[in-house]
């Protein structure tokens, strides 16, 4: 008996970032005392320095969100930040958190401000700190053959040239706010906030 061929997953259609802006707020009704919030934005598929600018932006947004929602106000237990290369040919930054329904207005207002961040609002000190942590991680993450292989495999999955890994430290050290501008513009133009919780309560405190 012949073995059946392995099923092939169809590649999703490419996302056209030149199209109009999607809704800024999507609400999913779910009775609960908490609201799950997620800020997502799409960016052009980056490589080289553009890719590092996107990764740094993702980490920077995560730090700013954690500082506001956890360290300064304490309305959230934590904030998750993730940078992903999507099969549809674009990159994505996502921030996720959960807050008590009584704090959803404050959290939504912050995420809406964050989705309109401009490069000039990022201080040189903040960017320098993110560069430092990025360089520290790069310096020590590939100490083993297995770690190097994993990095190369991930780059292959994302269709990134291996040379991106070789020049990572040099490019990261030279990263400026101007390098983040293009990534921020795309992020702002294609940002969506999803809120899962009591719809009436969310809409009562949301701002257009």
Protein backbone atom coordinates (compact mmCIF):
# COMPACT_ATOMS: atom_id res chain seq x y z
CA UNK A 1 0.00 0.00 0.00
CA UNK A 2 1.40 3.38 -0.99
CA UNK A 3 1.69 6.00 1.67
CA UNK A 4 -0.43 9.07 1.17
CA UNK A 5 1.42 12.25 0.33
CA UNK A 6 1.92 14.67 3.17
CA UNK A 7 -0.74 17.38 3.04
CA UNK A 8 0.60 20.73 1.93
CA UNK A 9 -0.48 23.84 3.77
CA UNK A 10 -1.58 26.58 1.41
CA UNK A 11 0.35 29.84 1.69
CA UNK A 12 -2.00 32.60 2.79
CA UNK A 13 -2.44 35.53 0.39
CA UNK A 14 -0.02 38.39 0.89
CA UNK A 15 -1.28 41.27 3.00
CA UNK A 16 -1.35 44.58 1.11
CA UNK A 17 -0.36 47.32 3.54
CA UNK A 18 -1.27 50.02 1.02
CA UNK A 19 -4.97 49.41 1.65
CA UNK A 20 -7.15 51.54 3.90
CA UNK A 21 -6.86 51.49 7.68
CA UNK A 22 -8.76 48.70 9.49
CA UNK A 23 -10.98 49.49 12.51
CA UNK A 24 -8.93 50.84 15.42
CA UNK A 25 -11.00 49.00 18.04
CA UNK A 26 -12.55 45.55 17.77
CA UNK A 27 -14.74 44.43 20.66
CA UNK A 28 -15.66 40.80 21.36
CA UNK A 29 -18.49 40.42 23.85
CA UNK A 30 -17.67 38.03 26.70
CA UNK A 31 -19.25 38.39 30.14
CA UNK A 32 -16.37 38.65 32.59
CA UNK A 33 -14.99 40.78 35.41
CA UNK A 34 -11.80 41.23 33.37
CA UNK A 35 -11.04 42.50 29.89
CA UNK A 36 -8.33 40.97 27.70
CA UNK A 37 -6.63 43.62 25.57
CA UNK A 38 -4.37 43.18 22.57
CA UNK A 39 -2.66 45.85 20.49
CA UNK A 40 -1.45 44.54 17.13
CA UNK A 41 0.22 46.36 14.27
CA UNK A 42 1.55 45.24 10.91
CA UNK A 43 4.80 46.32 9.28
CA UNK A 44 6.54 45.75 5.98
CA UNK A 45 8.74 42.63 6.03
CA UNK A 46 12.07 43.99 7.18
CA UNK A 47 15.63 42.78 6.68
CA UNK A 48 18.98 44.01 7.89
CA UNK A 49 18.74 47.27 9.82
CA UNK A 50 15.01 47.62 9.07
CA UNK A 51 14.40 44.27 10.74
CA UNK A 52 16.38 45.28 13.81
CA UNK A 53 14.45 48.55 13.99
CA UNK A 54 11.20 46.55 14.06
CA UNK A 55 12.47 44.16 16.73
CA UNK A 56 13.73 47.06 18.84
CA UNK A 57 10.42 48.87 18.44
CA UNK A 58 8.58 45.78 19.64
CA UNK A 59 10.75 45.53 22.75
CA UNK A 60 10.51 49.26 23.38
CA UNK A 61 6.69 49.26 23.17
CA UNK A 62 6.62 46.31 25.55
CA UNK A 63 8.77 48.15 28.09
CA UNK A 64 6.68 51.33 27.85
CA UNK A 65 3.44 49.34 28.25
CA UNK A 66 4.75 47.35 31.21
CA UNK A 67 5.96 50.54 32.89
CA UNK A 68 2.58 52.26 32.47
CA UNK A 69 0.22 49.38 33.14
CA UNK A 70 2.19 47.58 35.82
CA UNK A 71 4.97 49.60 37.44
CA UNK A 72 3.31 53.03 37.54
CA UNK A 73 -0.43 52.32 37.85
CA UNK A 74 -0.59 48.62 38.79
CA UNK A 75 -3.81 48.09 36.82
CA UNK A 76 -2.38 45.02 35.06
CA UNK A 77 -0.43 42.06 36.40
CA UNK A 78 1.79 41.99 33.35
CA UNK A 79 2.20 42.81 29.67
CA UNK A 80 3.28 40.42 26.92
CA UNK A 81 5.24 41.66 23.90
CA UNK A 82 5.93 39.63 20.76
CA UNK A 83 7.46 40.24 17.33
CA UNK A 84 6.54 37.78 14.57
CA UNK A 85 7.11 37.26 10.86
CA UNK A 86 3.78 36.20 9.37
CA UNK A 87 3.36 33.76 6.50
CA UNK A 88 1.35 36.44 4.69
CA UNK A 89 4.56 38.38 4.00
CA UNK A 90 4.46 41.04 6.72
CA UNK A 91 5.82 41.44 10.24
CA UNK A 92 3.64 41.93 13.32
CA UNK A 93 4.10 43.49 16.75
CA UNK A 94 1.63 42.45 19.45
CA UNK A 95 1.14 43.61 23.02
CA UNK A 96 -1.30 41.78 25.28
CA UNK A 97 -2.58 42.34 28.81
CA UNK A 98 -5.64 41.87 31.03
CA UNK A 99 -7.22 44.39 33.38
CA UNK A 100 -10.16 44.53 35.75
CA UNK A 101 -13.25 45.88 34.03
CA UNK A 102 -13.10 48.95 36.24
CA UNK A 103 -9.72 49.91 34.72
CA UNK A 104 -10.51 49.20 31.07
CA UNK A 105 -11.02 52.87 30.21
CA UNK A 106 -7.59 53.80 31.53
CA UNK A 107 -5.92 50.87 29.77
CA UNK A 108 -7.68 51.55 26.46
CA UNK A 109 -6.75 55.22 26.57
CA UNK A 110 -3.09 54.29 27.09
CA UNK A 111 -3.05 51.71 24.27
CA UNK A 112 -4.66 54.21 21.91
CA UNK A 113 -1.96 56.76 22.76
CA UNK A 114 0.71 54.09 22.31
CA UNK A 115 -0.64 53.22 18.85
CA UNK A 116 0.01 56.83 17.80
CA UNK A 117 3.56 57.09 19.16
CA UNK A 118 6.02 59.09 17.06
CA UNK A 119 9.78 58.67 16.84
CA UNK A 120 10.41 62.10 18.35
CA UNK A 121 8.64 60.96 21.54
CA UNK A 122 11.28 58.24 22.12
CA UNK A 123 14.11 59.62 24.21
CA UNK A 124 17.74 58.99 23.35
CA UNK A 125 18.18 57.45 26.81
CA UNK A 126 15.34 54.97 26.24
CA UNK A 127 16.71 53.89 22.87
CA UNK A 128 20.23 53.60 24.28
CA UNK A 129 18.94 51.31 27.02
CA UNK A 130 17.15 49.08 24.49
CA UNK A 131 20.31 48.92 22.36
CA UNK A 132 22.27 47.86 25.43
CA UNK A 133 19.91 45.00 26.25
CA UNK A 134 19.79 43.94 22.61
CA UNK A 135 23.59 43.88 22.38
CA UNK A 136 23.85 41.96 25.65
CA UNK A 137 21.42 39.32 24.38
CA UNK A 138 23.21 39.06 21.05
CA UNK A 139 26.59 38.67 22.72
CA UNK A 140 25.56 35.65 24.77
CA UNK A 141 22.70 33.92 22.95
CA UNK A 142 24.82 31.91 20.50
CA UNK A 143 27.27 30.27 22.87
CA UNK A 144 26.39 26.73 21.74
CA UNK A 145 26.11 25.02 18.39
CA UNK A 146 22.47 24.23 19.12
CA UNK A 147 21.67 27.90 19.78
CA UNK A 148 23.41 28.94 16.55
CA UNK A 149 21.52 26.29 14.60
CA UNK A 150 18.24 27.49 16.10
CA UNK A 151 19.00 31.07 15.07
CA UNK A 152 19.83 30.00 11.51
CA UNK A 153 16.70 27.84 11.33
CA UNK A 154 14.49 30.69 12.51
CA UNK A 155 16.06 33.01 9.95
CA UNK A 156 15.38 30.43 7.24
CA UNK A 157 11.74 30.13 8.29
CA UNK A 158 11.38 33.89 7.98
CA UNK A 159 13.25 34.04 4.64
CA UNK A 160 16.00 36.19 6.15
CA UNK A 161 19.57 35.93 4.87
CA UNK A 162 22.12 34.46 7.25
CA UNK A 163 24.17 37.65 6.83
CA UNK A 164 21.54 39.41 8.96
CA UNK A 165 22.80 37.41 11.92
CA UNK A 166 26.46 38.18 11.20
CA UNK A 167 25.93 41.96 11.14
CA UNK A 168 23.41 42.13 13.97
CA UNK A 169 25.69 43.65 16.65
CA UNK A 170 27.11 46.30 14.33
CA UNK A 171 23.67 47.35 13.05
CA UNK A 172 22.10 47.34 16.51
CA UNK A 173 24.85 49.57 17.91
CA UNK A 174 24.19 52.16 15.18
CA UNK A 175 20.39 52.17 15.51
CA UNK A 176 18.84 55.65 15.87
CA UNK A 177 15.37 57.08 16.41
CA UNK A 178 15.27 57.93 12.70
CA UNK A 179 15.68 54.22 11.94
CA UNK A 180 12.54 53.54 13.99
CA UNK A 181 10.49 56.15 12.12
CA UNK A 182 9.49 53.95 9.17
CA UNK A 183 8.53 51.06 11.43
CA UNK A 184 6.51 53.40 13.66
CA UNK A 185 4.70 54.92 10.69
CA UNK A 186 3.64 51.50 9.39
CA UNK A 187 2.71 50.37 12.90
CA UNK A 188 0.55 53.45 13.46
CA UNK A 189 -1.13 53.14 10.07
CA UNK A 190 -2.04 49.48 10.64
CA UNK A 191 -2.75 49.27 14.37
CA UNK A 192 -5.76 47.48 15.82
CA UNK A 193 -6.82 47.13 19.45
CA UNK A 194 -8.91 44.07 20.30
CA UNK A 195 -10.87 44.01 23.57
CA UNK A 196 -12.52 40.82 24.83
CA UNK A 197 -14.96 41.39 27.69
CA UNK A 198 -18.27 43.03 28.54
CA UNK A 199 -19.10 44.89 25.34
CA UNK A 200 -21.33 47.53 26.90
CA UNK A 201 -18.74 48.41 29.54
CA UNK A 202 -15.92 48.57 26.96
CA UNK A 203 -17.83 50.79 24.54
CA UNK A 204 -18.94 53.08 27.37
CA UNK A 205 -15.33 54.07 28.07
CA UNK A 206 -13.76 53.75 24.62
CA UNK A 207 -12.70 56.78 22.64
CA UNK A 208 -12.91 57.04 18.84
